[in-house]
Amino acid sequence: MELSQVAFCDSSGLNAFLRLWKRAKVVGGELVLVDPGPRLAELLIRTGVDAHVRVVDALSALVGVDPQAGPAAPEPEPA
């Protein structure tokens, strides 16, 4: 989730991140917060959210991710 334009985040926003993280985990995915800005990054650290949710400074920090490609197609199920 790209966050460079987020200017404010309160407990509701933090709760939303944790709920998204839990949902992603259930289906085998991962929530990654990209470019949260200094204030939000500090909030994520102080509240411990960064211990559960990966936080990176830029999309380029995610190896093998093409920001133009969109979500990956699901693997077909074996017949």
N, C-alpha and C. Protein backbone atom coordinates (compact mmCIF):
# COMPACT_ATOMS: atom_id res chain seq x y z
N MET A 1 0.85 -1.15 0.00
CA MET A 1 0.00 0.00 0.00
C MET A 1 0.91 1.23 0.00
N GLU A 2 0.75 2.07 -1.01
CA GLU A 2 1.57 3.27 -1.16
C GLU A 2 0.98 4.38 -0.30
N LEU A 3 1.80 4.96 0.59
CA LEU A 3 1.30 5.90 1.59
C LEU A 3 1.91 7.29 1.53
N SER A 4 2.60 7.63 0.47
CA SER A 4 3.32 8.91 0.43
C SER A 4 2.40 10.12 0.58
N GLN A 5 1.13 9.99 0.23
CA GLN A 5 0.21 11.13 0.31
C GLN A 5 -0.59 11.16 1.62
N VAL A 6 -0.33 10.22 2.53
CA VAL A 6 -1.06 10.19 3.80
C VAL A 6 -0.45 11.21 4.75
N ALA A 7 -1.25 12.22 5.12
CA ALA A 7 -0.77 13.29 5.99
C ALA A 7 -1.15 13.05 7.45
N PHE A 8 -2.14 12.19 7.70
CA PHE A 8 -2.62 11.98 9.07
C PHE A 8 -3.06 10.54 9.24
N CYS A 9 -2.75 9.98 10.40
CA CYS A 9 -3.20 8.63 10.72
C CYS A 9 -3.44 8.56 12.23
N ASP A 10 -4.62 8.12 12.62
CA ASP A 10 -4.94 7.94 14.03
C ASP A 10 -5.14 6.46 14.32
N SER A 11 -5.73 6.16 15.47
CA SER A 11 -5.90 4.76 15.86
C SER A 11 -6.79 3.99 14.88
N SER A 12 -7.72 4.66 14.24
CA SER A 12 -8.57 3.99 13.24
C SER A 12 -7.74 3.54 12.04
N GLY A 13 -6.83 4.38 11.62
CA GLY A 13 -5.95 4.02 10.51
C GLY A 13 -5.02 2.88 10.87
N LEU A 14 -4.47 2.93 12.09
CA LEU A 14 -3.60 1.84 12.54
C LEU A 14 -4.38 0.54 12.62
N ASN A 15 -5.61 0.61 13.11
CA ASN A 15 -6.46 -0.58 13.17
C ASN A 15 -6.73 -1.13 11.77
N ALA A 16 -6.95 -0.25 10.81
CA ALA A 16 -7.18 -0.70 9.43
C ALA A 16 -5.95 -1.42 8.89
N PHE A 17 -4.75 -0.91 9.16
CA PHE A 17 -3.53 -1.58 8.71
C PHE A 17 -3.44 -2.98 9.31
N LEU A 18 -3.73 -3.10 10.61
CA LEU A 18 -3.64 -4.40 11.27
C LEU A 18 -4.70 -5.36 10.75
N ARG A 19 -5.89 -4.88 10.45
CA ARG A 19 -6.94 -5.75 9.90
C ARG A 19 -6.55 -6.23 8.50
N LEU A 20 -6.00 -5.33 7.68
CA LEU A 20 -5.54 -5.72 6.35
C LEU A 20 -4.39 -6.72 6.44
N TRP A 21 -3.49 -6.51 7.37
CA TRP A 21 -2.37 -7.44 7.58
C TRP A 21 -2.90 -8.83 7.91
N LYS A 22 -3.87 -8.90 8.84
CA LYS A 22 -4.43 -10.20 9.23
C LYS A 22 -5.12 -10.89 8.05
N ARG A 23 -5.87 -10.13 7.26
CA ARG A 23 -6.55 -10.71 6.09
C ARG A 23 -5.54 -11.23 5.08
N ALA A 24 -4.50 -10.44 4.82
CA ALA A 24 -3.48 -10.86 3.87
C ALA A 24 -2.80 -12.14 4.35
N LYS A 25 -2.52 -12.20 5.64
CA LYS A 25 -1.84 -13.37 6.22
C LYS A 25 -2.69 -14.64 6.07
N VAL A 26 -4.00 -14.51 6.28
CA VAL A 26 -4.91 -15.65 6.18
C VAL A 26 -4.88 -16.28 4.79
N VAL A 27 -4.75 -15.45 3.76
CA VAL A 27 -4.76 -15.97 2.38
C VAL A 27 -3.36 -16.18 1.84
N GLY A 28 -2.35 -16.12 2.73
CA GLY A 28 -0.97 -16.39 2.30
C GLY A 28 -0.27 -15.19 1.69
N GLY A 29 -0.81 -14.02 1.89
CA GLY A 29 -0.21 -12.80 1.34
C GLY A 29 0.55 -12.02 2.39
N GLU A 30 0.90 -10.81 2.03
CA GLU A 30 1.65 -9.93 2.92
C GLU A 30 1.23 -8.49 2.65
N LEU A 31 1.05 -7.74 3.71
CA LEU A 31 0.79 -6.30 3.58
C LEU A 31 2.12 -5.59 3.69
N VAL A 32 2.42 -4.76 2.71
CA VAL A 32 3.64 -3.96 2.72
C VAL A 32 3.23 -2.50 2.62
N LEU A 33 3.69 -1.69 3.57
CA LEU A 33 3.42 -0.26 3.55
C LEU A 33 4.62 0.44 2.93
N VAL A 34 4.36 1.19 1.86
CA VAL A 34 5.43 1.81 1.08
C VAL A 34 5.42 3.32 1.28
N ASP A 35 6.59 3.87 1.59
CA ASP A 35 6.82 5.31 1.69
C ASP A 35 5.83 6.01 2.63
N PRO A 36 5.83 5.61 3.93
CA PRO A 36 4.87 6.21 4.84
C PRO A 36 5.18 7.64 5.27
N GLY A 37 6.32 8.16 4.96
CA GLY A 37 6.67 9.51 5.41
C GLY A 37 7.18 9.45 6.84
N PRO A 38 7.95 10.45 7.26
CA PRO A 38 8.60 10.38 8.57
C PRO A 38 7.65 10.31 9.75
N ARG A 39 6.58 11.09 9.75
CA ARG A 39 5.66 11.09 10.89
C ARG A 39 4.92 9.76 11.02
N LEU A 40 4.42 9.25 9.90
CA LEU A 40 3.70 7.99 9.93
C LEU A 40 4.65 6.84 10.23
N ALA A 41 5.84 6.87 9.68
CA ALA A 41 6.83 5.82 9.97
C ALA A 41 7.13 5.78 11.47
N GLU A 42 7.30 6.94 12.08
CA GLU A 42 7.55 7.00 13.53
C GLU A 42 6.37 6.43 14.31
N LEU A 43 5.15 6.74 13.89
CA LEU A 43 3.95 6.22 14.54
C LEU A 43 3.89 4.70 14.43
N LEU A 44 4.23 4.17 13.27
CA LEU A 44 4.23 2.71 13.07
C LEU A 44 5.24 2.04 13.99
N ILE A 45 6.38 2.67 14.19
CA ILE A 45 7.41 2.14 15.08
C ILE A 45 6.96 2.22 16.53
N ARG A 46 6.49 3.39 16.95
CA ARG A 46 6.10 3.61 18.35
C ARG A 46 4.96 2.70 18.78
N THR A 47 4.07 2.36 17.87
CA THR A 47 2.93 1.51 18.20
C THR A 47 3.21 0.03 17.99
N GLY A 48 4.35 -0.30 17.39
CA GLY A 48 4.71 -1.69 17.17
C GLY A 48 4.11 -2.31 15.93
N VAL A 49 3.40 -1.52 15.13
CA VAL A 49 2.81 -2.05 13.90
C VAL A 49 3.90 -2.57 12.97
N ASP A 50 5.05 -1.90 12.97
CA ASP A 50 6.16 -2.31 12.09
C ASP A 50 6.70 -3.69 12.44
N ALA A 51 6.37 -4.22 13.61
CA ALA A 51 6.80 -5.57 13.99
C ALA A 51 5.99 -6.63 13.25
N HIS A 52 4.84 -6.25 12.73
CA HIS A 52 3.95 -7.19 12.04
C HIS A 52 3.83 -6.91 10.54
N VAL A 53 3.86 -5.65 10.19
CA VAL A 53 3.66 -5.21 8.81
C VAL A 53 4.99 -4.70 8.27
N ARG A 54 5.37 -5.17 7.10
CA ARG A 54 6.63 -4.70 6.50
C ARG A 54 6.45 -3.28 6.01
N VAL A 55 7.43 -2.43 6.34
CA VAL A 55 7.42 -1.03 5.94
C VAL A 55 8.69 -0.78 5.12
N VAL A 56 8.54 -0.24 3.90
CA VAL A 56 9.69 0.05 3.04
C VAL A 56 9.61 1.49 2.57
N ASP A 57 10.77 2.03 2.21
CA ASP A 57 10.84 3.43 1.77
C ASP A 57 10.36 3.63 0.34
N ALA A 58 10.51 2.61 -0.50
CA ALA A 58 10.15 2.76 -1.91
C ALA A 58 9.79 1.41 -2.51
N LEU A 59 9.01 1.44 -3.58
CA LEU A 59 8.65 0.21 -4.27
C LEU A 59 9.88 -0.56 -4.74
N SER A 60 10.94 0.17 -5.07
CA SER A 60 12.15 -0.50 -5.56
C SER A 60 12.76 -1.39 -4.49
N ALA A 61 12.37 -1.22 -3.22
CA ALA A 61 12.88 -2.08 -2.14
C ALA A 61 12.26 -3.48 -2.20
N LEU A 62 11.21 -3.63 -2.97
CA LEU A 62 10.55 -4.92 -3.09
C LEU A 62 11.10 -5.63 -4.32
N VAL A 63 11.97 -6.57 -4.11
CA VAL A 63 12.64 -7.29 -5.20
C VAL A 63 11.61 -8.05 -6.02
N GLY A 64 11.70 -7.91 -7.34
CA GLY A 64 10.84 -8.66 -8.24
C GLY A 64 9.44 -8.11 -8.39
N VAL A 65 9.20 -6.89 -7.91
CA VAL A 65 7.86 -6.29 -8.03
C VAL A 65 7.88 -5.26 -9.14
N ASP A 66 6.97 -5.40 -10.08
CA ASP A 66 6.82 -4.42 -11.15
C ASP A 66 5.61 -3.56 -10.81
N PRO A 67 5.82 -2.28 -10.43
CA PRO A 67 4.69 -1.44 -10.01
C PRO A 67 3.64 -1.24 -11.10
N GLN A 68 3.98 -1.47 -12.36
CA GLN A 68 3.03 -1.30 -13.45
C GLN A 68 2.23 -2.57 -13.72
N ALA A 69 2.68 -3.69 -13.17
CA ALA A 69 2.07 -4.98 -13.50
C ALA A 69 0.75 -5.24 -12.78
N GLY A 70 0.54 -4.65 -11.61
CA GLY A 70 -0.67 -4.92 -10.85
C GLY A 70 -0.55 -6.25 -10.13
N PRO A 71 -1.65 -6.74 -9.57
CA PRO A 71 -1.60 -8.00 -8.81
C PRO A 71 -1.28 -9.19 -9.70
N ALA A 72 -0.60 -10.15 -9.12
CA ALA A 72 -0.25 -11.36 -9.86
C ALA A 72 -1.50 -12.22 -10.03
N ALA A 73 -1.57 -12.92 -11.14
CA ALA A 73 -2.70 -13.84 -11.38
C ALA A 73 -2.52 -15.06 -10.48
N PRO A 74 -3.62 -15.60 -9.98
CA PRO A 74 -3.50 -16.79 -9.14
C PRO A 74 -3.01 -18.00 -9.94
N GLU A 75 -2.31 -18.88 -9.25
CA GLU A 75 -1.81 -20.10 -9.88
C GLU A 75 -3.01 -21.00 -10.20
N PRO A 76 -3.02 -21.64 -11.37
CA PRO A 76 -4.12 -22.57 -11.66
C PRO A 76 -4.04 -23.80 -10.76
N GLU A 77 -5.21 -24.33 -10.43
CA GLU A 77 -5.26 -25.52 -9.59
C GLU A 77 -4.97 -26.75 -10.44
N PRO A 78 -4.23 -27.73 -9.87
CA PRO A 78 -3.93 -28.94 -10.63
C PRO A 78 -5.21 -29.70 -10.94
N ALA A 79 -5.24 -30.34 -12.08
CA ALA A 79 -6.43 -31.10 -12.51
C ALA A 79 -6.53 -32.44 -11.87
